[in-house]
């Protein structure tokens, strides 16, 4: 379980195939900020760009850990198959503050950046999402984008899906990888868990 509050910026430095073809997954080597792994144990859950992964090995002194990611997970996520920056969040502990919202670390779908531009001191990010996720999005509701808990400012239903808008403050841009996004980039989306349960109780297919 996570909150969508990013606790560190990491970088995938190496991607190794776990088999001879695309049916096999990959092993990722991730570098972290100094001290980030001091309280991590083997087998702990760490979210990478919103996708929950298991630490299969780590070197706290070197600030480095590895995860094995299946071909299925690679197919359902973005930004985890090549070297580059990633948002990190360690799993929620029972006594931690729930600063964002309840996040499972399971990517529900991929969105695509449709617009990203400065508005005053902040930035407007608009993301095109699949129609299957549209019914879970609501004004002032929660959405996780690449692991970051964000508030939906507007939702527009389209013929082939929907588009939602979020406002990003400078602090978010400085402490996550969202500031590097550009139009056309794919992003990992996780819908609000409560919205999923409400849809189920109303008899809508989840």
Protein backbone atom coordinates (compact mmCIF):
# COMPACT_ATOMS: atom_id res chain seq x y z
CA UNK A 1 0.00 0.00 0.00
CA UNK A 2 1.22 3.49 -0.90
CA UNK A 3 0.07 7.11 -0.68
CA UNK A 4 1.25 8.65 -3.95
CA UNK A 5 3.67 10.94 -2.09
CA UNK A 6 7.05 10.45 -3.77
CA UNK A 7 9.84 9.78 -1.27
CA UNK A 8 12.80 9.90 -3.63
CA UNK A 9 13.95 10.33 -7.20
CA UNK A 10 15.80 7.32 -8.58
CA UNK A 11 17.30 6.34 -11.88
CA UNK A 12 17.19 3.05 -13.77
CA UNK A 13 20.83 2.58 -14.72
CA UNK A 14 20.73 -0.90 -16.22
CA UNK A 15 18.15 -3.17 -17.85
CA UNK A 16 19.04 -6.85 -18.33
CA UNK A 17 16.86 -9.43 -20.09
CA UNK A 18 15.87 -12.44 -17.98
CA UNK A 19 15.52 -14.66 -21.04
CA UNK A 20 16.19 -14.91 -24.78
CA UNK A 21 12.92 -13.38 -26.08
CA UNK A 22 10.08 -10.97 -25.29
CA UNK A 23 8.18 -13.59 -23.26
CA UNK A 24 10.74 -13.10 -20.49
CA UNK A 25 10.97 -10.15 -18.14
CA UNK A 26 13.85 -7.90 -17.23
CA UNK A 27 16.02 -7.12 -14.25
CA UNK A 28 16.35 -3.44 -13.42
CA UNK A 29 19.16 -1.82 -11.46
CA UNK A 30 18.00 1.40 -9.77
CA UNK A 31 20.17 4.06 -8.15
CA UNK A 32 18.68 5.99 -5.23
CA UNK A 33 19.51 9.10 -3.19
CA UNK A 34 22.06 8.68 -0.38
CA UNK A 35 20.53 6.98 2.67
CA UNK A 36 17.30 6.04 0.87
CA UNK A 37 17.81 2.30 1.39
CA UNK A 38 18.93 2.48 5.03
CA UNK A 39 15.58 1.12 6.29
CA UNK A 40 14.91 -1.27 3.38
CA UNK A 41 14.99 -5.05 3.76
CA UNK A 42 15.19 -7.76 1.13
CA UNK A 43 11.73 -8.36 -0.32
CA UNK A 44 10.35 -4.92 0.58
CA UNK A 45 7.92 -3.26 -1.80
CA UNK A 46 9.04 -0.10 -3.60
CA UNK A 47 6.89 1.61 -6.23
CA UNK A 48 8.63 2.66 -9.46
CA UNK A 49 6.60 5.27 -11.36
CA UNK A 50 3.55 3.95 -9.54
CA UNK A 51 4.15 0.23 -10.15
CA UNK A 52 4.73 -1.86 -7.02
CA UNK A 53 7.95 -3.91 -7.29
CA UNK A 54 9.87 -6.20 -4.93
CA UNK A 55 13.48 -5.43 -4.01
CA UNK A 56 15.32 -8.62 -4.99
CA UNK A 57 18.73 -7.33 -3.90
CA UNK A 58 20.10 -4.08 -2.54
CA UNK A 59 23.29 -2.37 -1.49
CA UNK A 60 22.42 0.41 0.97
CA UNK A 61 25.98 1.78 1.04
CA UNK A 62 26.06 2.11 -2.73
CA UNK A 63 22.47 3.37 -2.93
CA UNK A 64 21.44 0.70 -5.40
CA UNK A 65 18.77 -2.03 -5.59
CA UNK A 66 17.37 -4.44 -8.18
CA UNK A 67 13.90 -5.63 -9.15
CA UNK A 68 12.72 -8.33 -11.53
CA UNK A 69 9.79 -7.22 -13.69
CA UNK A 70 7.72 -9.68 -15.72
CA UNK A 71 6.93 -9.35 -19.41
CA UNK A 72 3.26 -8.83 -18.46
CA UNK A 73 4.12 -5.90 -16.18
CA UNK A 74 6.37 -4.39 -18.85
CA UNK A 75 3.50 -4.59 -21.33
CA UNK A 76 1.09 -2.83 -18.95
CA UNK A 77 3.38 -0.02 -17.78
CA UNK A 78 5.47 2.81 -19.23
CA UNK A 79 8.97 4.01 -18.43
CA UNK A 80 10.29 0.80 -16.86
CA UNK A 81 11.99 -0.82 -19.83
CA UNK A 82 14.82 1.64 -20.48
CA UNK A 83 17.35 3.58 -18.38
CA UNK A 84 16.09 6.89 -17.04
CA UNK A 85 14.63 8.71 -14.02
CA UNK A 86 11.83 7.17 -11.93
CA UNK A 87 9.65 8.23 -9.02
CA UNK A 88 10.24 6.13 -5.90
CA UNK A 89 7.93 5.44 -2.98
CA UNK A 90 8.53 2.90 -0.23
CA UNK A 91 5.49 0.98 1.03
CA UNK A 92 3.31 2.69 3.64
CA UNK A 93 3.91 1.78 7.28
CA UNK A 94 1.02 1.54 9.76
CA UNK A 95 2.06 4.70 11.64
CA UNK A 96 2.78 6.88 8.57
CA UNK A 97 0.75 9.92 7.56
CA UNK A 98 -1.60 9.34 4.63
CA UNK A 99 -0.52 12.50 2.84
CA UNK A 100 -1.92 11.64 -0.59
CA UNK A 101 -4.63 8.99 -1.03
CA UNK A 102 -4.87 5.20 -0.84
CA UNK A 103 -2.74 3.78 -3.66
CA UNK A 104 -2.21 0.08 -4.36
CA UNK A 105 0.73 0.32 -6.75
CA UNK A 106 -1.19 -1.54 -9.48
CA UNK A 107 -1.28 0.31 -12.80
CA UNK A 108 -4.83 0.38 -14.21
CA UNK A 109 -3.98 1.77 -17.62
CA UNK A 110 -1.72 3.97 -19.70
CA UNK A 111 -2.44 7.59 -20.48
CA UNK A 112 -0.80 9.94 -22.94
CA UNK A 113 0.24 13.53 -22.29
CA UNK A 114 -1.93 15.74 -24.50
CA UNK A 115 -0.82 19.14 -23.21
CA UNK A 116 1.75 20.45 -20.72
CA UNK A 117 2.20 24.20 -20.35
CA UNK A 118 2.83 26.86 -17.75
CA UNK A 119 -0.14 28.77 -16.32
CA UNK A 120 0.96 31.50 -13.90
CA UNK A 121 3.29 30.02 -11.32
CA UNK A 122 2.02 26.48 -11.97
CA UNK A 123 1.71 24.09 -14.89
CA UNK A 124 -1.36 22.54 -16.48
CA UNK A 125 -1.04 18.87 -17.39
CA UNK A 126 -3.74 17.32 -19.58
CA UNK A 127 -3.75 13.57 -20.10
CA UNK A 128 -5.76 11.48 -22.55
CA UNK A 129 -7.01 8.31 -20.81
CA UNK A 130 -8.79 5.16 -22.02
CA UNK A 131 -12.61 5.17 -21.95
CA UNK A 132 -12.51 2.28 -19.46
CA UNK A 133 -11.00 4.60 -16.83
CA UNK A 134 -13.16 7.63 -17.57
CA UNK A 135 -16.02 6.67 -15.27
CA UNK A 136 -13.65 6.61 -12.30
CA UNK A 137 -12.47 10.21 -12.82
CA UNK A 138 -14.32 13.11 -11.21
CA UNK A 139 -13.80 16.79 -10.51
CA UNK A 140 -11.65 17.15 -7.37
CA UNK A 141 -11.19 13.39 -7.25
CA UNK A 142 -7.84 11.63 -6.97
CA UNK A 143 -5.68 10.05 -9.67
CA UNK A 144 -2.15 8.64 -9.59
CA UNK A 145 0.11 9.61 -12.49
CA UNK A 146 3.51 7.86 -12.58
CA UNK A 147 3.07 7.18 -8.87
CA UNK A 148 2.19 10.76 -7.90
CA UNK A 149 -1.09 11.44 -6.08
CA UNK A 150 -2.84 14.32 -7.87
CA UNK A 151 -6.20 16.10 -7.89
CA UNK A 152 -8.36 16.16 -11.02
CA UNK A 153 -9.39 19.69 -12.01
CA UNK A 154 -11.48 18.84 -15.06
CA UNK A 155 -12.70 15.80 -17.00
CA UNK A 156 -13.86 15.88 -20.60
CA UNK A 157 -15.44 12.80 -22.18
CA UNK A 158 -14.38 12.15 -25.78
CA UNK A 159 -15.55 9.77 -28.48
CA UNK A 160 -12.52 7.50 -27.96
CA UNK A 161 -11.84 8.04 -24.25
CA UNK A 162 -11.52 11.02 -21.98
CA UNK A 163 -9.13 13.83 -21.14
CA UNK A 164 -8.45 15.08 -17.64
CA UNK A 165 -6.57 18.12 -16.40
CA UNK A 166 -4.34 18.54 -13.36
CA UNK A 167 -2.52 21.53 -11.90
CA UNK A 168 1.12 20.98 -10.90
CA UNK A 169 2.75 23.32 -8.40
CA UNK A 170 6.52 24.03 -8.54
CA UNK A 171 7.16 21.77 -5.51
CA UNK A 172 5.71 18.76 -7.36
CA UNK A 173 7.79 19.50 -10.45
CA UNK A 174 10.97 19.78 -8.35
CA UNK A 175 10.42 16.58 -6.36
CA UNK A 176 9.09 14.19 -9.01
CA UNK A 177 9.84 13.30 -12.61
CA UNK A 178 6.63 14.93 -13.87
CA UNK A 179 8.51 18.08 -14.84
CA UNK A 180 10.27 16.14 -17.61
CA UNK A 181 7.03 15.15 -19.36
CA UNK A 182 6.19 16.35 -22.85
CA UNK A 183 3.28 15.95 -25.23
CA UNK A 184 3.01 12.38 -26.49
CA UNK A 185 4.69 10.74 -23.49
CA UNK A 186 2.95 7.70 -22.00
CA UNK A 187 2.24 7.68 -18.26
CA UNK A 188 1.11 5.07 -15.73
CA UNK A 189 -2.36 5.68 -14.29
CA UNK A 190 -3.98 4.23 -11.18
CA UNK A 191 -7.57 5.17 -10.44
CA UNK A 192 -8.86 5.94 -6.95
CA UNK A 193 -9.55 2.73 -5.02
CA UNK A 194 -12.73 4.16 -3.45
CA UNK A 195 -14.11 5.04 -6.90
CA UNK A 196 -13.59 1.42 -7.96
CA UNK A 197 -15.58 0.13 -4.98
CA UNK A 198 -18.37 2.64 -5.56
CA UNK A 199 -18.67 1.51 -9.18
CA UNK A 200 -18.87 -2.11 -8.00
CA UNK A 201 -21.58 -1.33 -5.44
CA UNK A 202 -23.60 0.49 -8.10
CA UNK A 203 -23.50 -2.62 -10.24
CA UNK A 204 -21.18 -1.25 -12.91
CA UNK A 205 -18.51 -3.59 -14.29
CA UNK A 206 -15.14 -2.93 -12.61
